[in-house]
């Protein structure tokens, strides 16, 4: 595992004391979301939604132990195209993940 250069003025213990409970709750939210998805009917075409695929890839990044997880997750979920779309008609909001991402 590669470690990032320490830049936080807190000790590891202080950071854990300050932030653990908040992030524990977020983990439980993620677990509940995945449990909810598991209880749904599978897609009729057996093709998983691109957002769920991206979500699972993001979870793998969180667990890989490598640095810059936040940057890597953001890049995974971001649309990196530079050409504008012809029209936003019919779009109701952001997807939260880029549907054109390839494995």
PDB file of N, CA and C in Angstrom:
ATOM      1  N   UNK A   1       0.847  -1.164   0.000  1.00  0.00           N
ATOM      2  CA  UNK A   1       0.000   0.000   0.000  1.00  0.00           C
ATOM      3  C   UNK A   1       0.898   1.235   0.000  1.00  0.00           C
ATOM      4  N   UNK A   2       0.621   2.164  -0.888  1.00  0.00           N
ATOM      5  CA  UNK A   2       1.375   3.405  -0.962  1.00  0.00           C
ATOM      6  C   UNK A   2       0.703   4.433  -0.071  1.00  0.00           C
ATOM      7  N   UNK A   3       1.495   5.131   0.702  1.00  0.00           N
ATOM      8  CA  UNK A   3       0.963   6.158   1.601  1.00  0.00           C
ATOM      9  C   UNK A   3       1.181   7.542   1.011  1.00  0.00           C
ATOM     10  N   UNK A   4       0.185   8.403   1.167  1.00  0.00           N
ATOM     11  CA  UNK A   4       0.325   9.796   0.765  1.00  0.00           C
ATOM     12  C   UNK A   4       1.170  10.515   1.807  1.00  0.00           C
ATOM     13  N   UNK A   5       1.813  11.567   1.386  1.00  0.00           N
ATOM     14  CA  UNK A   5       2.600  12.390   2.303  1.00  0.00           C
ATOM     15  C   UNK A   5       1.652  13.030   3.322  1.00  0.00           C
ATOM     16  N   UNK A   6       1.969  12.930   4.641  1.00  0.00           N
ATOM     17  CA  UNK A   6       1.070  13.506   5.649  1.00  0.00           C
ATOM     18  C   UNK A   6       0.937  15.021   5.472  1.00  0.00           C
ATOM     19  N   UNK A   7      -0.297  15.500   5.359  1.00  0.00           N
ATOM     20  CA  UNK A   7      -0.552  16.932   5.234  1.00  0.00           C
ATOM     21  C   UNK A   7      -1.596  17.415   6.230  1.00  0.00           C
ATOM     22  N   UNK A   8      -2.238  16.513   6.937  1.00  0.00           N
ATOM     23  CA  UNK A   8      -3.279  16.869   7.900  1.00  0.00           C
ATOM     24  C   UNK A   8      -2.621  17.217   9.238  1.00  0.00           C
ATOM     25  N   UNK A   9      -3.008  18.335   9.843  1.00  0.00           N
ATOM     26  CA  UNK A   9      -2.403  18.699  11.125  1.00  0.00           C
ATOM     27  C   UNK A   9      -2.849  17.810  12.291  1.00  0.00           C
ATOM     28  N   UNK A  10      -3.880  17.005  12.097  1.00  0.00           N
ATOM     29  CA  UNK A  10      -4.361  16.099  13.153  1.00  0.00           C
ATOM     30  C   UNK A  10      -3.537  14.831  13.172  1.00  0.00           C
ATOM     31  N   UNK A  11      -3.501  14.193  14.320  1.00  0.00           N
ATOM     32  CA  UNK A  11      -2.950  12.842  14.378  1.00  0.00           C
ATOM     33  C   UNK A  11      -3.993  11.896  13.803  1.00  0.00           C
ATOM     34  N   UNK A  12      -3.587  10.695  13.490  1.00  0.00           N
ATOM     35  CA  UNK A  12      -4.542   9.711  12.973  1.00  0.00           C
ATOM     36  C   UNK A  12      -5.665   9.490  13.986  1.00  0.00           C
ATOM     37  N   UNK A  13      -5.300   9.376  15.244  1.00  0.00           N
ATOM     38  CA  UNK A  13      -6.304   9.158  16.305  1.00  0.00           C
ATOM     39  C   UNK A  13      -7.293  10.320  16.380  1.00  0.00           C
ATOM     40  N   UNK A  14      -6.795  11.560  16.270  1.00  0.00           N
ATOM     41  CA  UNK A  14      -7.678  12.722  16.311  1.00  0.00           C
ATOM     42  C   UNK A  14      -8.640  12.720  15.122  1.00  0.00           C
ATOM     43  N   UNK A  15      -8.145  12.372  13.948  1.00  0.00           N
ATOM     44  CA  UNK A  15      -9.001  12.325  12.759  1.00  0.00           C
ATOM     45  C   UNK A  15     -10.064  11.243  12.906  1.00  0.00           C
ATOM     46  N   UNK A  16      -9.687  10.097  13.413  1.00  0.00           N
ATOM     47  CA  UNK A  16     -10.663   9.019  13.628  1.00  0.00           C
ATOM     48  C   UNK A  16     -11.690   9.442  14.669  1.00  0.00           C
ATOM     49  N   UNK A  17     -11.223  10.031  15.779  1.00  0.00           N
ATOM     50  CA  UNK A  17     -12.153  10.499  16.814  1.00  0.00           C
ATOM     51  C   UNK A  17     -13.126  11.535  16.263  1.00  0.00           C
ATOM     52  N   UNK A  18     -12.656  12.409  15.392  1.00  0.00           N
ATOM     53  CA  UNK A  18     -13.484  13.490  14.866  1.00  0.00           C
ATOM     54  C   UNK A  18     -14.471  13.028  13.800  1.00  0.00           C
ATOM     55  N   UNK A  19     -14.103  12.060  12.992  1.00  0.00           N
ATOM     56  CA  UNK A  19     -14.885  11.761  11.787  1.00  0.00           C
ATOM     57  C   UNK A  19     -15.448  10.351  11.684  1.00  0.00           C
ATOM     58  N   UNK A  20     -15.067   9.449  12.566  1.00  0.00           N
ATOM     59  CA  UNK A  20     -15.477   8.050  12.403  1.00  0.00           C
ATOM     60  C   UNK A  20     -16.990   7.862  12.410  1.00  0.00           C
ATOM     61  N   UNK A  21     -17.675   8.424  13.406  1.00  0.00           N
ATOM     62  CA  UNK A  21     -19.118   8.173  13.524  1.00  0.00           C
ATOM     63  C   UNK A  21     -19.888   8.709  12.314  1.00  0.00           C
ATOM     64  N   UNK A  22     -19.485   9.865  11.821  1.00  0.00           N
ATOM     65  CA  UNK A  22     -20.134  10.428  10.625  1.00  0.00           C
ATOM     66  C   UNK A  22     -19.994   9.482   9.432  1.00  0.00           C
ATOM     67  N   UNK A  23     -18.815   8.934   9.245  1.00  0.00           N
ATOM     68  CA  UNK A  23     -18.568   8.075   8.088  1.00  0.00           C
ATOM     69  C   UNK A  23     -19.082   6.656   8.298  1.00  0.00           C
ATOM     70  N   UNK A  24     -19.179   6.238   9.551  1.00  0.00           N
ATOM     71  CA  UNK A  24     -19.832   4.967   9.864  1.00  0.00           C
ATOM     72  C   UNK A  24     -21.279   5.022   9.386  1.00  0.00           C
ATOM     73  N   UNK A  25     -21.959   6.141   9.657  1.00  0.00           N
ATOM     74  CA  UNK A  25     -23.352   6.305   9.227  1.00  0.00           C
ATOM     75  C   UNK A  25     -23.457   6.278   7.700  1.00  0.00           C
ATOM     76  N   UNK A  26     -22.498   6.883   7.015  1.00  0.00           N
ATOM     77  CA  UNK A  26     -22.517   6.873   5.554  1.00  0.00           C
ATOM     78  C   UNK A  26     -22.327   5.459   5.004  1.00  0.00           C
ATOM     79  N   UNK A  27     -21.462   4.688   5.648  1.00  0.00           N
ATOM     80  CA  UNK A  27     -21.282   3.287   5.232  1.00  0.00           C
ATOM     81  C   UNK A  27     -22.577   2.495   5.401  1.00  0.00           C
ATOM     82  N   UNK A  28     -23.275   2.732   6.506  1.00  0.00           N
ATOM     83  CA  UNK A  28     -24.550   2.050   6.712  1.00  0.00           C
ATOM     84  C   UNK A  28     -25.571   2.465   5.657  1.00  0.00           C
ATOM     85  N   UNK A  29     -25.564   3.733   5.259  1.00  0.00           N
ATOM     86  CA  UNK A  29     -26.452   4.179   4.180  1.00  0.00           C
ATOM     87  C   UNK A  29     -26.138   3.448   2.879  1.00  0.00           C
ATOM     88  N   UNK A  30     -24.860   3.299   2.587  1.00  0.00           N
ATOM     89  CA  UNK A  30     -24.456   2.583   1.362  1.00  0.00           C
ATOM     90  C   UNK A  30     -24.879   1.122   1.442  1.00  0.00           C
ATOM     91  N   UNK A  31     -24.663   0.501   2.593  1.00  0.00           N
ATOM     92  CA  UNK A  31     -25.064  -0.895   2.763  1.00  0.00           C
ATOM     93  C   UNK A  31     -26.575  -1.046   2.575  1.00  0.00           C
ATOM     94  N   UNK A  32     -27.348  -0.123   3.129  1.00  0.00           N
ATOM     95  CA  UNK A  32     -28.806  -0.177   2.985  1.00  0.00           C
ATOM     96  C   UNK A  32     -29.217   0.010   1.523  1.00  0.00           C
ATOM     97  N   UNK A  33     -28.547   0.931   0.823  1.00  0.00           N
ATOM     98  CA  UNK A  33     -28.831   1.140  -0.599  1.00  0.00           C
ATOM     99  C   UNK A  33     -28.589  -0.147  -1.389  1.00  0.00           C
ATOM    100  N   UNK A  34     -27.446  -0.784  -1.168  1.00  0.00           N
ATOM    101  CA  UNK A  34     -27.125  -2.014  -1.896  1.00  0.00           C
ATOM    102  C   UNK A  34     -28.093  -3.142  -1.539  1.00  0.00           C
ATOM    103  N   UNK A  35     -28.477  -3.238  -0.260  1.00  0.00           N
ATOM    104  CA  UNK A  35     -29.477  -4.232   0.138  1.00  0.00           C
ATOM    105  C   UNK A  35     -30.799  -3.981  -0.589  1.00  0.00           C
ATOM    106  N   UNK A  36     -31.186  -2.711  -0.686  1.00  0.00           N
ATOM    107  CA  UNK A  36     -32.432  -2.358  -1.374  1.00  0.00           C
ATOM    108  C   UNK A  36     -32.369  -2.765  -2.846  1.00  0.00           C
ATOM    109  N   UNK A  37     -31.251  -2.494  -3.474  1.00  0.00           N
ATOM    110  CA  UNK A  37     -31.074  -2.872  -4.884  1.00  0.00           C
ATOM    111  C   UNK A  37     -31.158  -4.398  -5.028  1.00  0.00           C
ATOM    112  N   UNK A  38     -30.542  -5.114  -4.090  1.00  0.00           N
ATOM    113  CA  UNK A  38     -30.573  -6.582  -4.140  1.00  0.00           C
ATOM    114  C   UNK A  38     -31.993  -7.136  -4.051  1.00  0.00           C
ATOM    115  N   UNK A  39     -32.902  -6.387  -3.429  1.00  0.00           N
ATOM    116  CA  UNK A  39     -34.282  -6.856  -3.268  1.00  0.00           C
ATOM    117  C   UNK A  39     -35.186  -6.484  -4.438  1.00  0.00           C
ATOM    118  N   UNK A  40     -34.642  -5.828  -5.445  1.00  0.00           N
ATOM    119  CA  UNK A  40     -35.449  -5.448  -6.607  1.00  0.00           C
ATOM    120  C   UNK A  40     -35.412  -6.553  -7.660  1.00  0.00           C
ATOM    121  N   UNK A  41     -36.330  -6.457  -8.596  1.00  0.00           N
ATOM    122  CA  UNK A  41     -36.307  -7.387  -9.721  1.00  0.00           C
ATOM    123  C   UNK A  41     -35.121  -7.054 -10.616  1.00  0.00           C
ATOM    124  N   UNK A  42     -34.461  -8.062 -11.167  1.00  0.00           N
ATOM    125  CA  UNK A  42     -33.355  -7.777 -12.087  1.00  0.00           C
ATOM    126  C   UNK A  42     -33.872  -7.119 -13.356  1.00  0.00           C
ATOM    127  N   UNK A  43     -33.007  -6.375 -14.039  1.00  0.00           N
ATOM    128  CA  UNK A  43     -33.453  -5.746 -15.285  1.00  0.00           C
ATOM    129  C   UNK A  43     -33.894  -6.801 -16.293  1.00  0.00           C
ATOM    130  N   UNK A  44     -34.922  -6.501 -17.084  1.00  0.00           N
ATOM    131  CA  UNK A  44     -35.457  -7.499 -18.024  1.00  0.00           C
ATOM    132  C   UNK A  44     -34.429  -7.963 -19.057  1.00  0.00           C
ATOM    133  N   UNK A  45     -33.520  -7.085 -19.430  1.00  0.00           N
ATOM    134  CA  UNK A  45     -32.527  -7.472 -20.428  1.00  0.00           C
ATOM    135  C   UNK A  45     -31.235  -7.988 -19.786  1.00  0.00           C
ATOM    136  N   UNK A  46     -31.247  -8.132 -18.467  1.00  0.00           N
ATOM    137  CA  UNK A  46     -30.092  -8.610 -17.707  1.00  0.00           C
ATOM    138  C   UNK A  46     -28.891  -7.658 -17.811  1.00  0.00           C
ATOM    139  N   UNK A  47     -29.137  -6.433 -18.273  1.00  0.00           N
ATOM    140  CA  UNK A  47     -28.074  -5.444 -18.379  1.00  0.00           C
ATOM    141  C   UNK A  47     -28.167  -4.513 -17.178  1.00  0.00           C
ATOM    142  N   UNK A  48     -27.107  -4.455 -16.387  1.00  0.00           N
ATOM    143  CA  UNK A  48     -27.094  -3.642 -15.179  1.00  0.00           C
ATOM    144  C   UNK A  48     -27.048  -2.161 -15.522  1.00  0.00           C
ATOM    145  N   UNK A  49     -27.728  -1.337 -14.750  1.00  0.00           N
ATOM    146  CA  UNK A  49     -27.740   0.114 -14.929  1.00  0.00           C
ATOM    147  C   UNK A  49     -26.310   0.650 -14.807  1.00  0.00           C
ATOM    148  N   UNK A  50     -25.949   1.561 -15.701  1.00  0.00           N
ATOM    149  CA  UNK A  50     -24.584   2.100 -15.740  1.00  0.00           C
ATOM    150  C   UNK A  50     -24.209   2.784 -14.426  1.00  0.00           C
ATOM    151  N   UNK A  51     -25.183   3.342 -13.723  1.00  0.00           N
ATOM    152  CA  UNK A  51     -24.889   4.015 -12.454  1.00  0.00           C
ATOM    153  C   UNK A  51     -24.488   3.010 -11.390  1.00  0.00           C
ATOM    154  N   UNK A  52     -25.147   1.871 -11.363  1.00  0.00           N
ATOM    155  CA  UNK A  52     -24.800   0.847 -10.388  1.00  0.00           C
ATOM    156  C   UNK A  52     -23.443   0.231 -10.706  1.00  0.00           C
ATOM    157  N   UNK A  53     -23.160   0.044 -11.984  1.00  0.00           N
ATOM    158  CA  UNK A  53     -21.835  -0.450 -12.391  1.00  0.00           C
ATOM    159  C   UNK A  53     -20.759   0.517 -11.923  1.00  0.00           C
ATOM    160  N   UNK A  54     -20.969   1.811 -12.151  1.00  0.00           N
ATOM    161  CA  UNK A  54     -20.000   2.825 -11.717  1.00  0.00           C
ATOM    162  C   UNK A  54     -19.880   2.847 -10.200  1.00  0.00           C
ATOM    163  N   UNK A  55     -20.993   2.701  -9.500  1.00  0.00           N
ATOM    164  CA  UNK A  55     -20.991   2.698  -8.036  1.00  0.00           C
ATOM    165  C   UNK A  55     -20.132   1.557  -7.500  1.00  0.00           C
ATOM    166  N   UNK A  56     -20.302   0.387  -8.082  1.00  0.00           N
ATOM    167  CA  UNK A  56     -19.515  -0.772  -7.634  1.00  0.00           C
ATOM    168  C   UNK A  56     -18.035  -0.595  -7.956  1.00  0.00           C
ATOM    169  N   UNK A  57     -17.725   0.017  -9.089  1.00  0.00           N
ATOM    170  CA  UNK A  57     -16.327   0.311  -9.412  1.00  0.00           C
ATOM    171  C   UNK A  57     -15.753   1.315  -8.417  1.00  0.00           C
ATOM    172  N   UNK A  58     -16.569   2.281  -8.025  1.00  0.00           N
ATOM    173  CA  UNK A  58     -16.121   3.268  -7.038  1.00  0.00           C
ATOM    174  C   UNK A  58     -15.842   2.590  -5.690  1.00  0.00           C
ATOM    175  N   UNK A  59     -16.685   1.651  -5.301  1.00  0.00           N
ATOM    176  CA  UNK A  59     -16.444   0.917  -4.055  1.00  0.00           C
ATOM    177  C   UNK A  59     -15.118   0.159  -4.109  1.00  0.00           C
ATOM    178  N   UNK A  60     -14.801  -0.391  -5.264  1.00  0.00           N
ATOM    179  CA  UNK A  60     -13.526  -1.095  -5.419  1.00  0.00           C
ATOM    180  C   UNK A  60     -12.352  -0.133  -5.250  1.00  0.00           C
ATOM    181  N   UNK A  61     -12.499   1.078  -5.760  1.00  0.00           N
ATOM    182  CA  UNK A  61     -11.443   2.077  -5.582  1.00  0.00           C
ATOM    183  C   UNK A  61     -11.262   2.391  -4.097  1.00  0.00           C
ATOM    184  N   UNK A  62     -12.370   2.516  -3.377  1.00  0.00           N
ATOM    185  CA  UNK A  62     -12.283   2.814  -1.946  1.00  0.00           C
ATOM    186  C   UNK A  62     -11.524   1.736  -1.187  1.00  0.00           C
ATOM    187  N   UNK A  63     -11.642   0.511  -1.637  1.00  0.00           N
ATOM    188  CA  UNK A  63     -11.037  -0.615  -0.925  1.00  0.00           C
ATOM    189  C   UNK A  63      -9.633  -0.965  -1.399  1.00  0.00           C
ATOM    190  N   UNK A  64      -9.133  -0.315  -2.449  1.00  0.00           N
ATOM    191  CA  UNK A  64      -7.854  -0.765  -3.013  1.00  0.00           C
ATOM    192  C   UNK A  64      -6.613  -0.312  -2.253  1.00  0.00           C
ATOM    193  N   UNK A  65      -6.775   0.603  -1.290  1.00  0.00           N
ATOM    194  CA  UNK A  65      -5.652   1.015  -0.467  1.00  0.00           C
ATOM    195  C   UNK A  65      -4.676   1.982  -1.126  1.00  0.00           C
ATOM    196  N   UNK A  66      -4.964   2.365  -2.352  1.00  0.00           N
ATOM    197  CA  UNK A  66      -4.080   3.299  -3.046  1.00  0.00           C
ATOM    198  C   UNK A  66      -4.486   4.737  -2.730  1.00  0.00           C
ATOM    199  N   UNK A  67      -3.564   5.688  -2.863  1.00  0.00           N
ATOM    200  CA  UNK A  67      -3.885   7.086  -2.528  1.00  0.00           C
ATOM    201  C   UNK A  67      -4.782   7.750  -3.563  1.00  0.00           C
ATOM    202  N   UNK A  68      -5.241   8.921  -3.215  1.00  0.00           N
ATOM    203  CA  UNK A  68      -6.067   9.770  -4.071  1.00  0.00           C
ATOM    204  C   UNK A  68      -7.384   9.106  -4.479  1.00  0.00           C
ATOM    205  N   UNK A  69      -8.000   8.447  -3.522  1.00  0.00           N
ATOM    206  CA  UNK A  69      -9.265   7.773  -3.802  1.00  0.00           C
ATOM    207  C   UNK A  69     -10.344   8.754  -4.226  1.00  0.00           C
ATOM    208  N   UNK A  70     -10.425   9.898  -3.566  1.00  0.00           N
ATOM    209  CA  UNK A  70     -11.475  10.871  -3.911  1.00  0.00           C
ATOM    210  C   UNK A  70     -11.323  11.330  -5.360  1.00  0.00           C
ATOM    211  N   UNK A  71     -10.102  11.630  -5.780  1.00  0.00           N
ATOM    212  CA  UNK A  71      -9.876  12.061  -7.157  1.00  0.00           C
ATOM    213  C   UNK A  71     -10.240  10.954  -8.132  1.00  0.00           C
ATOM    214  N   UNK A  72      -9.833   9.733  -7.834  1.00  0.00           N
ATOM    215  CA  UNK A  72     -10.088   8.622  -8.746  1.00  0.00           C
ATOM    216  C   UNK A  72     -11.573   8.302  -8.853  1.00  0.00           C
ATOM    217  N   UNK A  73     -12.300   8.382  -7.741  1.00  0.00           N
ATOM    218  CA  UNK A  73     -13.748   8.146  -7.788  1.00  0.00           C
ATOM    219  C   UNK A  73     -14.427   9.254  -8.584  1.00  0.00           C
ATOM    220  N   UNK A  74     -14.041  10.497  -8.343  1.00  0.00           N
ATOM    221  CA  UNK A  74     -14.636  11.603  -9.081  1.00  0.00           C
ATOM    222  C   UNK A  74     -14.390  11.458 -10.582  1.00  0.00           C
ATOM    223  N   UNK A  75     -13.191  11.086 -10.953  1.00  0.00           N
ATOM    224  CA  UNK A  75     -12.896  10.886 -12.377  1.00  0.00           C
ATOM    225  C   UNK A  75     -13.711   9.733 -12.955  1.00  0.00           C
ATOM    226  N   UNK A  76     -13.878   8.668 -12.188  1.00  0.00           N
ATOM    227  CA  UNK A  76     -14.678   7.536 -12.648  1.00  0.00           C
ATOM    228  C   UNK A  76     -16.113   7.959 -12.946  1.00  0.00           C
ATOM    229  N   UNK A  77     -16.674   8.815 -12.104  1.00  0.00           N
ATOM    230  CA  UNK A  77     -18.074   9.195 -12.223  1.00  0.00           C
ATOM    231  C   UNK A  77     -18.303  10.389 -13.147  1.00  0.00           C
ATOM    232  N   UNK A  78     -17.243  11.040 -13.592  1.00  0.00           N
ATOM    233  CA  UNK A  78     -17.369  12.281 -14.362  1.00  0.00           C
ATOM    234  C   UNK A  78     -17.440  12.042 -15.862  1.00  0.00           C
ATOM    235  N   UNK A  79     -18.157  12.924 -16.507  1.00  0.00           N
ATOM    236  CA  UNK A  79     -18.209  12.961 -17.970  1.00  0.00           C
ATOM    237  C   UNK A  79     -17.004  13.773 -18.430  1.00  0.00           C
ATOM    238  N   UNK A  80     -16.083  13.138 -19.116  1.00  0.00           N
ATOM    239  CA  UNK A  80     -14.863  13.813 -19.545  1.00  0.00           C
ATOM    240  C   UNK A  80     -14.923  14.257 -21.008  1.00  0.00           C
ATOM    241  N   UNK A  81     -16.104  14.168 -21.613  1.00  0.00           N
ATOM    242  CA  UNK A  81     -16.215  14.631 -22.993  1.00  0.00           C
ATOM    243  C   UNK A  81     -16.080  16.144 -23.025  1.00  0.00           C
ATOM    244  N   UNK A  82     -15.635  16.656 -24.145  1.00  0.00           N
ATOM    245  CA  UNK A  82     -15.439  18.101 -24.272  1.00  0.00           C
ATOM    246  C   UNK A  82     -16.403  18.740 -25.251  1.00  0.00           C
ATOM    247  N   UNK A  83     -17.059  17.938 -26.056  1.00  0.00           N
ATOM    248  CA  UNK A  83     -18.014  18.469 -27.026  1.00  0.00           C
ATOM    249  C   UNK A  83     -19.369  18.677 -26.352  1.00  0.00           C
ATOM    250  N   UNK A  84     -20.008  19.826 -26.570  1.00  0.00           N
ATOM    251  CA  UNK A  84     -21.330  20.035 -25.986  1.00  0.00           C
ATOM    252  C   UNK A  84     -22.364  19.127 -26.633  1.00  0.00           C
ATOM    253  N   UNK A  85     -23.378  18.774 -25.863  1.00  0.00           N
ATOM    254  CA  UNK A  85     -24.461  17.968 -26.421  1.00  0.00           C
ATOM    255  C   UNK A  85     -25.324  18.869 -27.299  1.00  0.00           C
ATOM    256  N   UNK A  86     -25.975  18.318 -28.329  1.00  0.00           N
ATOM    257  CA  UNK A  86     -26.762  19.149 -29.236  1.00  0.00           C
ATOM    258  C   UNK A  86     -27.954  19.815 -28.546  1.00  0.00           C
ATOM    259  N   UNK A  87     -28.548  19.130 -27.567  1.00  0.00           N
ATOM    260  CA  UNK A  87     -29.729  19.682 -26.900  1.00  0.00           C
ATOM    261  C   UNK A  87     -29.900  19.014 -25.545  1.00  0.00           C
ATOM    262  N   UNK A  88     -30.349  19.796 -24.583  1.00  0.00           N
ATOM    263  CA  UNK A  88     -30.653  19.252 -23.265  1.00  0.00           C
ATOM    264  C   UNK A  88     -32.148  19.008 -23.114  1.00  0.00           C
ATOM    265  N   UNK A  89     -32.888  19.139 -24.197  1.00  0.00           N
ATOM    266  CA  UNK A  89     -34.338  18.918 -24.154  1.00  0.00           C
ATOM    267  C   UNK A  89     -34.624  17.509 -23.659  1.00  0.00           C
ATOM    268  N   UNK A  90     -35.529  17.402 -22.723  1.00  0.00           N
ATOM    269  CA  UNK A  90     -35.912  16.104 -22.187  1.00  0.00           C
ATOM    270  C   UNK A  90     -35.064  15.644 -21.018  1.00  0.00           C
ATOM    271  N   UNK A  91     -33.959  16.317 -20.766  1.00  0.00           N
ATOM    272  CA  UNK A  91     -33.119  15.945 -19.623  1.00  0.00           C
ATOM    273  C   UNK A  91     -33.706  16.579 -18.372  1.00  0.00           C
ATOM    274  N   UNK A  92     -33.799  15.795 -17.325  1.00  0.00           N
ATOM    275  CA  UNK A  92     -34.397  16.308 -16.094  1.00  0.00           C
ATOM    276  C   UNK A  92     -33.367  16.554 -15.007  1.00  0.00           C
ATOM    277  N   UNK A  93     -32.141  16.214 -15.235  1.00  0.00           N
ATOM    278  CA  UNK A  93     -31.128  16.432 -14.209  1.00  0.00           C
ATOM    279  C   UNK A  93     -29.917  15.583 -14.455  1.00  0.00           C
ATOM    280  N   UNK A  94     -29.015  15.654 -13.535  1.00  0.00           N
ATOM    281  CA  UNK A  94     -27.763  14.913 -13.651  1.00  0.00           C
ATOM    282  C   UNK A  94     -27.985  13.440 -13.348  1.00  0.00           C
ATOM    283  N   UNK A  95     -27.159  12.606 -13.955  1.00  0.00           N
ATOM    284  CA  UNK A  95     -27.217  11.169 -13.702  1.00  0.00           C
ATOM    285  C   UNK A  95     -26.361  10.764 -12.514  1.00  0.00           C
ATOM    286  N   UNK A  96     -25.305  11.500 -12.234  1.00  0.00           N
ATOM    287  CA  UNK A  96     -24.403  11.152 -11.154  1.00  0.00           C
ATOM    288  C   UNK A  96     -23.274  10.245 -11.584  1.00  0.00           C
ATOM    289  N   UNK A  97     -23.381   9.731 -12.786  1.00  0.00           N
ATOM    290  CA  UNK A  97     -22.326   8.898 -13.392  1.00  0.00           C
ATOM    291  C   UNK A  97     -22.458   9.074 -14.885  1.00  0.00           C
ATOM    292  N   UNK A  98     -21.373   8.881 -15.572  1.00  0.00           N
ATOM    293  CA  UNK A  98     -21.381   9.083 -17.028  1.00  0.00           C
ATOM    294  C   UNK A  98     -21.808   7.803 -17.733  1.00  0.00           C
ATOM    295  N   UNK A  99     -22.898   7.842 -18.494  1.00  0.00           N
ATOM    296  CA  UNK A  99     -23.408   6.622 -19.134  1.00  0.00           C
ATOM    297  C   UNK A  99     -22.499   6.102 -20.252  1.00  0.00           C
ATOM    298  N   UNK A 100     -21.614   6.926 -20.772  1.00  0.00           N
ATOM    299  CA  UNK A 100     -20.770   6.494 -21.884  1.00  0.00           C
ATOM    300  C   UNK A 100     -19.458   5.873 -21.464  1.00  0.00           C
ATOM    301  N   UNK A 101     -19.220   5.747 -20.165  1.00  0.00           N
ATOM    302  CA  UNK A 101     -17.964   5.181 -19.658  1.00  0.00           C
ATOM    303  C   UNK A 101     -17.834   3.742 -20.090  1.00  0.00           C
ATOM    304  N   UNK A 102     -16.655   3.372 -20.552  1.00  0.00           N
ATOM    305  CA  UNK A 102     -16.416   1.982 -20.919  1.00  0.00           C
ATOM    306  C   UNK A 102     -15.574   1.309 -19.851  1.00  0.00           C
ATOM    307  N   UNK A 103     -15.680   0.002 -19.729  1.00  0.00           N
ATOM    308  CA  UNK A 103     -14.922  -0.707 -18.674  1.00  0.00           C
ATOM    309  C   UNK A 103     -13.437  -0.530 -18.772  1.00  0.00           C
TER     310      UNK A 103
END
